[in-house]
Amino acid sequence: LDDIWYNSFGFNRYRGFDWMPEPCRSCDEKEKDFGGCRCQAYMLTGNADNTDPVCSKSPHHGKIVDARREADCSDIKIGQLLFRNRSNS
């Protein structure tokens, strides 16, 4: 595990700030959010290198706005969330 964590391309690809596109690279929040979630960026844009669409500064933020609008208009009923803890995991 040590070798994978420290030496694999996949983990090292997104360390630091050099990989970040704008607006992340010059954003004053980058040291807090590290450019957002790579999984969300990939899922919503098809490219993990893209700015996380959840961020309002992202050029892909419209995807989140559209998804929220669609969810708000949906007739699908969402059940109560069950948060995991030690007793139910």
PDB file of N, CA and C in Angstrom:
ATOM      1  N   LEU A   1       0.813  -1.198   0.000  1.00  0.00           N
ATOM      2  CA  LEU A   1       0.000   0.000   0.000  1.00  0.00           C
ATOM      3  C   LEU A   1       0.854   1.258   0.000  1.00  0.00           C
ATOM      4  N   ASP A   2       1.930   1.210   0.727  1.00  0.00           N
ATOM      5  CA  ASP A   2       2.824   2.358   0.801  1.00  0.00           C
ATOM      6  C   ASP A   2       3.319   2.750  -0.594  1.00  0.00           C
ATOM      7  N   ASP A   3       3.712   1.752  -1.378  1.00  0.00           N
ATOM      8  CA  ASP A   3       4.213   2.012  -2.724  1.00  0.00           C
ATOM      9  C   ASP A   3       3.123   2.606  -3.617  1.00  0.00           C
ATOM     10  N   ILE A   4       1.922   2.070  -3.534  1.00  0.00           N
ATOM     11  CA  ILE A   4       0.808   2.591  -4.333  1.00  0.00           C
ATOM     12  C   ILE A   4       0.504   4.031  -3.942  1.00  0.00           C
ATOM     13  N   TRP A   5       0.423   4.297  -2.659  1.00  0.00           N
ATOM     14  CA  TRP A   5       0.079   5.637  -2.178  1.00  0.00           C
ATOM     15  C   TRP A   5       1.094   6.686  -2.628  1.00  0.00           C
ATOM     16  N   TYR A   6       2.376   6.361  -2.493  1.00  0.00           N
ATOM     17  CA  TYR A   6       3.418   7.354  -2.760  1.00  0.00           C
ATOM     18  C   TYR A   6       3.976   7.338  -4.182  1.00  0.00           C
ATOM     19  N   ASN A   7       3.857   6.216  -4.886  1.00  0.00           N
ATOM     20  CA  ASN A   7       4.539   6.104  -6.175  1.00  0.00           C
ATOM     21  C   ASN A   7       3.638   5.906  -7.380  1.00  0.00           C
ATOM     22  N   SER A   8       2.349   5.710  -7.190  1.00  0.00           N
ATOM     23  CA  SER A   8       1.487   5.450  -8.336  1.00  0.00           C
ATOM     24  C   SER A   8       1.119   6.741  -9.065  1.00  0.00           C
ATOM     25  N   PHE A   9       1.007   6.630 -10.372  1.00  0.00           N
ATOM     26  CA  PHE A   9       0.620   7.775 -11.191  1.00  0.00           C
ATOM     27  C   PHE A   9      -0.745   8.309 -10.762  1.00  0.00           C
ATOM     28  N   GLY A  10      -1.693   7.407 -10.526  1.00  0.00           N
ATOM     29  CA  GLY A  10      -3.054   7.821 -10.185  1.00  0.00           C
ATOM     30  C   GLY A  10      -3.143   8.693  -8.946  1.00  0.00           C
ATOM     31  N   PHE A  11      -2.401   8.346  -7.923  1.00  0.00           N
ATOM     32  CA  PHE A  11      -2.436   9.148  -6.701  1.00  0.00           C
ATOM     33  C   PHE A  11      -1.608  10.421  -6.838  1.00  0.00           C
ATOM     34  N   ASN A  12      -0.489  10.326  -7.513  1.00  0.00           N
ATOM     35  CA  ASN A  12       0.383  11.493  -7.643  1.00  0.00           C
ATOM     36  C   ASN A  12      -0.127  12.513  -8.658  1.00  0.00           C
ATOM     37  N   ARG A  13      -0.978  12.095  -9.548  1.00  0.00           N
ATOM     38  CA  ARG A  13      -1.480  12.975 -10.610  1.00  0.00           C
ATOM     39  C   ARG A  13      -2.119  14.248 -10.059  1.00  0.00           C
ATOM     40  N   TYR A  14      -2.838  14.133  -8.949  1.00  0.00           N
ATOM     41  CA  TYR A  14      -3.604  15.266  -8.428  1.00  0.00           C
ATOM     42  C   TYR A  14      -3.049  15.824  -7.119  1.00  0.00           C
ATOM     43  N   ARG A  15      -1.801  15.560  -6.833  1.00  0.00           N
ATOM     44  CA  ARG A  15      -1.175  16.152  -5.650  1.00  0.00           C
ATOM     45  C   ARG A  15      -0.646  17.531  -6.004  1.00  0.00           C
ATOM     46  N   GLY A  16      -0.679  18.422  -5.037  1.00  0.00           N
ATOM     47  CA  GLY A  16      -0.181  19.770  -5.286  1.00  0.00           C
ATOM     48  C   GLY A  16      -1.187  20.601  -6.077  1.00  0.00           C
ATOM     49  N   PHE A  17      -0.706  21.664  -6.689  1.00  0.00           N
ATOM     50  CA  PHE A  17      -1.592  22.590  -7.396  1.00  0.00           C
ATOM     51  C   PHE A  17      -1.280  22.701  -8.885  1.00  0.00           C
ATOM     52  N   ASP A  18      -0.175  22.134  -9.332  1.00  0.00           N
ATOM     53  CA  ASP A  18       0.237  22.298 -10.729  1.00  0.00           C
ATOM     54  C   ASP A  18      -0.738  21.698 -11.732  1.00  0.00           C
ATOM     55  N   TRP A  19      -1.465  20.682 -11.344  1.00  0.00           N
ATOM     56  CA  TRP A  19      -2.393  20.023 -12.256  1.00  0.00           C
ATOM     57  C   TRP A  19      -3.671  20.836 -12.469  1.00  0.00           C
ATOM     58  N   MET A  20      -3.966  21.759 -11.570  1.00  0.00           N
ATOM     59  CA  MET A  20      -5.258  22.453 -11.559  1.00  0.00           C
ATOM     60  C   MET A  20      -5.446  23.379 -12.762  1.00  0.00           C
ATOM     61  N   PRO A  21      -6.625  23.303 -13.386  1.00  0.00           N
ATOM     62  CA  PRO A  21      -6.959  24.274 -14.424  1.00  0.00           C
ATOM     63  C   PRO A  21      -7.467  25.556 -13.771  1.00  0.00           C
ATOM     64  N   GLU A  22      -7.597  26.600 -14.539  1.00  0.00           N
ATOM     65  CA  GLU A  22      -8.282  27.796 -14.044  1.00  0.00           C
ATOM     66  C   GLU A  22      -9.774  27.494 -14.041  1.00  0.00           C
ATOM     67  N   PRO A  23     -10.518  28.000 -13.115  1.00  0.00           N
ATOM     68  CA  PRO A  23     -10.204  29.020 -12.136  1.00  0.00           C
ATOM     69  C   PRO A  23      -9.579  28.484 -10.841  1.00  0.00           C
ATOM     70  N   CYS A  24      -9.404  27.164 -10.732  1.00  0.00           N
ATOM     71  CA  CYS A  24      -8.858  26.588  -9.492  1.00  0.00           C
ATOM     72  C   CYS A  24      -7.439  27.065  -9.198  1.00  0.00           C
ATOM     73  N   ARG A  25      -6.612  27.086 -10.210  1.00  0.00           N
ATOM     74  CA  ARG A  25      -5.191  27.380 -10.008  1.00  0.00           C
ATOM     75  C   ARG A  25      -4.963  28.721  -9.311  1.00  0.00           C
ATOM     76  N   SER A  26      -5.781  29.720  -9.604  1.00  0.00           N
ATOM     77  CA  SER A  26      -5.596  31.039  -8.986  1.00  0.00           C
ATOM     78  C   SER A  26      -6.631  31.336  -7.897  1.00  0.00           C
ATOM     79  N   CYS A  27      -7.425  30.340  -7.527  1.00  0.00           N
ATOM     80  CA  CYS A  27      -8.497  30.536  -6.541  1.00  0.00           C
ATOM     81  C   CYS A  27      -7.935  30.605  -5.118  1.00  0.00           C
ATOM     82  N   ASP A  28      -8.489  31.504  -4.324  1.00  0.00           N
ATOM     83  CA  ASP A  28      -8.036  31.632  -2.934  1.00  0.00           C
ATOM     84  C   ASP A  28      -8.558  30.510  -2.040  1.00  0.00           C
ATOM     85  N   GLU A  29      -9.413  29.642  -2.548  1.00  0.00           N
ATOM     86  CA  GLU A  29      -9.950  28.511  -1.779  1.00  0.00           C
ATOM     87  C   GLU A  29      -9.195  27.206  -2.044  1.00  0.00           C
ATOM     88  N   LYS A  30      -8.253  27.191  -2.964  1.00  0.00           N
ATOM     89  CA  LYS A  30      -7.624  25.935  -3.384  1.00  0.00           C
ATOM     90  C   LYS A  30      -6.901  25.196  -2.261  1.00  0.00           C
ATOM     91  N   GLU A  31      -6.413  25.921  -1.267  1.00  0.00           N
ATOM     92  CA  GLU A  31      -5.740  25.244  -0.162  1.00  0.00           C
ATOM     93  C   GLU A  31      -6.728  24.632   0.819  1.00  0.00           C
ATOM     94  N   LYS A  32      -8.000  24.952   0.687  1.00  0.00           N
ATOM     95  CA  LYS A  32      -9.053  24.350   1.517  1.00  0.00           C
ATOM     96  C   LYS A  32      -9.723  23.191   0.793  1.00  0.00           C
ATOM     97  N   ASP A  33     -10.057  23.401  -0.497  1.00  0.00           N
ATOM     98  CA  ASP A  33     -10.826  22.371  -1.209  1.00  0.00           C
ATOM     99  C   ASP A  33      -9.995  21.550  -2.196  1.00  0.00           C
ATOM    100  N   PHE A  34      -8.727  21.911  -2.392  1.00  0.00           N
ATOM    101  CA  PHE A  34      -7.808  21.179  -3.268  1.00  0.00           C
ATOM    102  C   PHE A  34      -8.368  20.957  -4.672  1.00  0.00           C
ATOM    103  N   GLY A  35      -9.160  21.898  -5.128  1.00  0.00           N
ATOM    104  CA  GLY A  35      -9.702  21.798  -6.478  1.00  0.00           C
ATOM    105  C   GLY A  35     -10.979  20.993  -6.579  1.00  0.00           C
ATOM    106  N   GLY A  36     -11.561  20.632  -5.464  1.00  0.00           N
ATOM    107  CA  GLY A  36     -12.826  19.900  -5.494  1.00  0.00           C
ATOM    108  C   GLY A  36     -12.629  18.404  -5.665  1.00  0.00           C
ATOM    109  N   CYS A  37     -13.698  17.742  -5.992  1.00  0.00           N
ATOM    110  CA  CYS A  37     -13.721  16.284  -6.082  1.00  0.00           C
ATOM    111  C   CYS A  37     -13.446  15.817  -7.509  1.00  0.00           C
ATOM    112  N   ARG A  38     -12.418  14.999  -7.672  1.00  0.00           N
ATOM    113  CA  ARG A  38     -12.072  14.470  -8.991  1.00  0.00           C
ATOM    114  C   ARG A  38     -13.130  13.502  -9.486  1.00  0.00           C
ATOM    115  N   CYS A  39     -13.756  12.752  -8.575  1.00  0.00           N
ATOM    116  CA  CYS A  39     -14.801  11.801  -8.971  1.00  0.00           C
ATOM    117  C   CYS A  39     -16.023  12.536  -9.505  1.00  0.00           C
ATOM    118  N   GLN A  40     -16.419  13.607  -8.837  1.00  0.00           N
ATOM    119  CA  GLN A  40     -17.561  14.403  -9.319  1.00  0.00           C
ATOM    120  C   GLN A  40     -17.240  15.039 -10.657  1.00  0.00           C
ATOM    121  N   ALA A  41     -16.030  15.564 -10.788  1.00  0.00           N
ATOM    122  CA  ALA A  41     -15.627  16.176 -12.057  1.00  0.00           C
ATOM    123  C   ALA A  41     -15.708  15.151 -13.182  1.00  0.00           C
ATOM    124  N   TYR A  42     -15.207  13.953 -12.935  1.00  0.00           N
ATOM    125  CA  TYR A  42     -15.244  12.904 -13.955  1.00  0.00           C
ATOM    126  C   TYR A  42     -16.674  12.477 -14.268  1.00  0.00           C
ATOM    127  N   MET A  43     -17.459  12.238 -13.234  1.00  0.00           N
ATOM    128  CA  MET A  43     -18.827  11.766 -13.430  1.00  0.00           C
ATOM    129  C   MET A  43     -19.668  12.769 -14.219  1.00  0.00           C
ATOM    130  N   LEU A  44     -19.495  14.042 -13.922  1.00  0.00           N
ATOM    131  CA  LEU A  44     -20.356  15.056 -14.523  1.00  0.00           C
ATOM    132  C   LEU A  44     -19.814  15.665 -15.806  1.00  0.00           C
ATOM    133  N   THR A  45     -18.497  15.580 -16.038  1.00  0.00           N
ATOM    134  CA  THR A  45     -17.932  16.194 -17.244  1.00  0.00           C
ATOM    135  C   THR A  45     -17.214  15.203 -18.145  1.00  0.00           C
ATOM    136  N   GLY A  46     -16.941  14.003 -17.619  1.00  0.00           N
ATOM    137  CA  GLY A  46     -16.213  13.020 -18.402  1.00  0.00           C
ATOM    138  C   GLY A  46     -14.701  13.179 -18.342  1.00  0.00           C
ATOM    139  N   ASN A  47     -14.218  14.136 -17.530  1.00  0.00           N
ATOM    140  CA  ASN A  47     -12.784  14.374 -17.420  1.00  0.00           C
ATOM    141  C   ASN A  47     -12.448  14.750 -15.980  1.00  0.00           C
ATOM    142  N   ALA A  48     -11.677  13.911 -15.314  1.00  0.00           N
ATOM    143  CA  ALA A  48     -11.323  14.159 -13.911  1.00  0.00           C
ATOM    144  C   ALA A  48     -10.467  15.405 -13.738  1.00  0.00           C
ATOM    145  N   ASP A  49      -9.825  15.874 -14.803  1.00  0.00           N
ATOM    146  CA  ASP A  49      -9.003  17.087 -14.725  1.00  0.00           C
ATOM    147  C   ASP A  49      -9.838  18.364 -14.685  1.00  0.00           C
ATOM    148  N   ASN A  50     -11.094  18.289 -15.058  1.00  0.00           N
ATOM    149  CA  ASN A  50     -11.937  19.487 -15.090  1.00  0.00           C
ATOM    150  C   ASN A  50     -12.232  20.012 -13.693  1.00  0.00           C
ATOM    151  N   THR A  51     -12.585  21.271 -13.637  1.00  0.00           N
ATOM    152  CA  THR A  51     -12.997  21.899 -12.391  1.00  0.00           C
ATOM    153  C   THR A  51     -14.260  21.209 -11.887  1.00  0.00           C
ATOM    154  N   ASP A  52     -14.337  20.949 -10.598  1.00  0.00           N
ATOM    155  CA  ASP A  52     -15.504  20.304  -9.996  1.00  0.00           C
ATOM    156  C   ASP A  52     -16.745  21.151 -10.271  1.00  0.00           C
ATOM    157  N   PRO A  53     -17.749  20.602 -10.958  1.00  0.00           N
ATOM    158  CA  PRO A  53     -18.950  21.365 -11.296  1.00  0.00           C
ATOM    159  C   PRO A  53     -19.747  21.864 -10.095  1.00  0.00           C
ATOM    160  N   VAL A  54     -19.533  21.303  -8.928  1.00  0.00           N
ATOM    161  CA  VAL A  54     -20.247  21.770  -7.743  1.00  0.00           C
ATOM    162  C   VAL A  54     -19.810  23.189  -7.376  1.00  0.00           C
ATOM    163  N   CYS A  55     -18.590  23.542  -7.700  1.00  0.00           N
ATOM    164  CA  CYS A  55     -18.083  24.886  -7.401  1.00  0.00           C
ATOM    165  C   CYS A  55     -18.767  25.916  -8.294  1.00  0.00           C
ATOM    166  N   SER A  56     -19.218  26.988  -7.690  1.00  0.00           N
ATOM    167  CA  SER A  56     -19.901  28.039  -8.460  1.00  0.00           C
ATOM    168  C   SER A  56     -18.962  28.744  -9.433  1.00  0.00           C
ATOM    169  N   LYS A  57     -17.649  28.606  -9.252  1.00  0.00           N
ATOM    170  CA  LYS A  57     -16.674  29.225 -10.153  1.00  0.00           C
ATOM    171  C   LYS A  57     -16.356  28.341 -11.363  1.00  0.00           C
ATOM    172  N   SER A  58     -16.831  27.115 -11.345  1.00  0.00           N
ATOM    173  CA  SER A  58     -16.534  26.169 -12.415  1.00  0.00           C
ATOM    174  C   SER A  58     -17.269  26.534 -13.700  1.00  0.00           C
ATOM    175  N   PRO A  59     -16.597  26.419 -14.849  1.00  0.00           N
ATOM    176  CA  PRO A  59     -17.302  26.635 -16.111  1.00  0.00           C
ATOM    177  C   PRO A  59     -18.342  25.549 -16.383  1.00  0.00           C
ATOM    178  N   HIS A  60     -18.311  24.474 -15.597  1.00  0.00           N
ATOM    179  CA  HIS A  60     -19.266  23.371 -15.746  1.00  0.00           C
ATOM    180  C   HIS A  60     -20.375  23.415 -14.694  1.00  0.00           C
ATOM    181  N   HIS A  61     -20.452  24.496 -13.934  1.00  0.00           N
ATOM    182  CA  HIS A  61     -21.426  24.595 -12.840  1.00  0.00           C
ATOM    183  C   HIS A  61     -22.870  24.465 -13.332  1.00  0.00           C
ATOM    184  N   GLY A  62     -23.131  24.844 -14.560  1.00  0.00           N
ATOM    185  CA  GLY A  62     -24.474  24.716 -15.122  1.00  0.00           C
ATOM    186  C   GLY A  62     -24.999  23.291 -15.085  1.00  0.00           C
ATOM    187  N   LYS A  63     -24.108  22.303 -15.132  1.00  0.00           N
ATOM    188  CA  LYS A  63     -24.537  20.902 -15.050  1.00  0.00           C
ATOM    189  C   LYS A  63     -25.197  20.622 -13.701  1.00  0.00           C
ATOM    190  N   ILE A  64     -24.665  21.209 -12.638  1.00  0.00           N
ATOM    191  CA  ILE A  64     -25.243  21.041 -11.302  1.00  0.00           C
ATOM    192  C   ILE A  64     -26.559  21.795 -11.204  1.00  0.00           C
ATOM    193  N   VAL A  65     -26.579  23.002 -11.709  1.00  0.00           N
ATOM    194  CA  VAL A  65     -27.807  23.803 -11.686  1.00  0.00           C
ATOM    195  C   VAL A  65     -28.916  23.071 -12.432  1.00  0.00           C
ATOM    196  N   ASP A  66     -28.602  22.530 -13.602  1.00  0.00           N
ATOM    197  CA  ASP A  66     -29.597  21.786 -14.382  1.00  0.00           C
ATOM    198  C   ASP A  66     -30.060  20.527 -13.651  1.00  0.00           C
ATOM    199  N   ALA A  67     -29.127  19.807 -13.043  1.00  0.00           N
ATOM    200  CA  ALA A  67     -29.481  18.584 -12.312  1.00  0.00           C
ATOM    201  C   ALA A  67     -30.375  18.898 -11.119  1.00  0.00           C
ATOM    202  N   ARG A  68     -30.075  19.976 -10.403  1.00  0.00           N
ATOM    203  CA  ARG A  68     -30.916  20.381  -9.268  1.00  0.00           C
ATOM    204  C   ARG A  68     -32.310  20.764  -9.742  1.00  0.00           C
ATOM    205  N   ARG A  69     -32.377  21.514 -10.820  1.00  0.00           N
ATOM    206  CA  ARG A  69     -33.670  21.928 -11.366  1.00  0.00           C
ATOM    207  C   ARG A  69     -34.489  20.696 -11.763  1.00  0.00           C
ATOM    208  N   GLU A  70     -33.845  19.749 -12.424  1.00  0.00           N
ATOM    209  CA  GLU A  70     -34.520  18.525 -12.836  1.00  0.00           C
ATOM    210  C   GLU A  70     -34.993  17.729 -11.622  1.00  0.00           C
ATOM    211  N   ALA A  71     -34.167  17.639 -10.592  1.00  0.00           N
ATOM    212  CA  ALA A  71     -34.540  16.906  -9.377  1.00  0.00           C
ATOM    213  C   ALA A  71     -35.698  17.587  -8.664  1.00  0.00           C
ATOM    214  N   ASP A  72     -35.695  18.913  -8.638  1.00  0.00           N
ATOM    215  CA  ASP A  72     -36.773  19.648  -7.973  1.00  0.00           C
ATOM    216  C   ASP A  72     -38.113  19.450  -8.672  1.00  0.00           C
ATOM    217  N   CYS A  73     -38.087  19.187  -9.974  1.00  0.00           N
ATOM    218  CA  CYS A  73     -39.315  19.010 -10.749  1.00  0.00           C
ATOM    219  C   CYS A  73     -39.748  17.550 -10.831  1.00  0.00           C
ATOM    220  N   SER A  74     -38.959  16.662 -10.294  1.00  0.00           N
ATOM    221  CA  SER A  74     -39.229  15.235 -10.393  1.00  0.00           C
ATOM    222  C   SER A  74     -40.352  14.814  -9.451  1.00  0.00           C
ATOM    223  N   ASP A  75     -41.108  13.809  -9.883  1.00  0.00           N
ATOM    224  CA  ASP A  75     -42.164  13.239  -9.046  1.00  0.00           C
ATOM    225  C   ASP A  75     -41.652  12.083  -8.189  1.00  0.00           C
ATOM    226  N   ILE A  76     -40.401  11.755  -8.334  1.00  0.00           N
ATOM    227  CA  ILE A  76     -39.820  10.648  -7.578  1.00  0.00           C
ATOM    228  C   ILE A  76     -39.708  11.043  -6.113  1.00  0.00           C
ATOM    229  N   LYS A  77     -40.209  10.188  -5.252  1.00  0.00           N
ATOM    230  CA  LYS A  77     -40.132  10.425  -3.811  1.00  0.00           C
ATOM    231  C   LYS A  77     -38.845   9.810  -3.273  1.00  0.00           C
ATOM    232  N   ILE A  78     -38.126  10.587  -2.540  1.00  0.00           N
ATOM    233  CA  ILE A  78     -36.873  10.121  -1.962  1.00  0.00           C
ATOM    234  C   ILE A  78     -37.115   9.767  -0.506  1.00  0.00           C
ATOM    235  N   GLY A  79     -36.695   8.567  -0.140  1.00  0.00           N
ATOM    236  CA  GLY A  79     -36.862   8.121   1.236  1.00  0.00           C
ATOM    237  C   GLY A  79     -35.913   8.831   2.177  1.00  0.00           C
ATOM    238  N   GLN A  80     -36.141   8.637   3.435  1.00  0.00           N
ATOM    239  CA  GLN A  80     -35.292   9.242   4.453  1.00  0.00           C
ATOM    240  C   GLN A  80     -33.894   8.638   4.371  1.00  0.00           C
ATOM    241  N   LEU A  81     -32.882   9.479   4.477  1.00  0.00           N
ATOM    242  CA  LEU A  81     -31.509   9.002   4.444  1.00  0.00           C
ATOM    243  C   LEU A  81     -31.160   8.305   5.755  1.00  0.00           C
ATOM    244  N   LEU A  82     -30.404   7.239   5.639  1.00  0.00           N
ATOM    245  CA  LEU A  82     -29.904   6.533   6.809  1.00  0.00           C
ATOM    246  C   LEU A  82     -28.396   6.727   6.833  1.00  0.00           C
ATOM    247  N   PHE A  83     -27.926   7.521   7.771  1.00  0.00           N
ATOM    248  CA  PHE A  83     -26.500   7.766   7.875  1.00  0.00           C
ATOM    249  C   PHE A  83     -25.838   6.592   8.573  1.00  0.00           C
ATOM    250  N   ARG A  84     -24.726   6.154   8.008  1.00  0.00           N
ATOM    251  CA  ARG A  84     -24.014   5.009   8.566  1.00  0.00           C
ATOM    252  C   ARG A  84     -23.328   5.389   9.863  1.00  0.00           C
ATOM    253  N   ASN A  85     -23.315   4.426  10.762  1.00  0.00           N
ATOM    254  CA  ASN A  85     -22.578   4.579  12.010  1.00  0.00           C
ATOM    255  C   ASN A  85     -22.081   3.194  12.417  1.00  0.00           C
ATOM    256  N   ARG A  86     -21.465   3.084  13.561  1.00  0.00           N
ATOM    257  CA  ARG A  86     -20.894   1.795  13.964  1.00  0.00           C
ATOM    258  C   ARG A  86     -21.949   0.719  14.193  1.00  0.00           C
ATOM    259  N   SER A  87     -23.116   1.094  14.632  1.00  0.00           N
ATOM    260  CA  SER A  87     -24.126   0.075  14.936  1.00  0.00           C
ATOM    261  C   SER A  87     -24.871  -0.410  13.700  1.00  0.00           C
ATOM    262  N   ASN A  88     -24.954   0.379  12.628  1.00  0.00           N
ATOM    263  CA  ASN A  88     -25.701  -0.083  11.456  1.00  0.00           C
ATOM    264  C   ASN A  88     -24.801  -0.365  10.250  1.00  0.00           C
ATOM    265  N   SER A  89     -23.501  -0.324  10.429  1.00  0.00           N
ATOM    266  CA  SER A  89     -22.585  -0.591   9.304  1.00  0.00           C
ATOM    267  C   SER A  89     -22.167  -2.038   9.268  1.00  0.00           C
TER     268      SER A  89
END
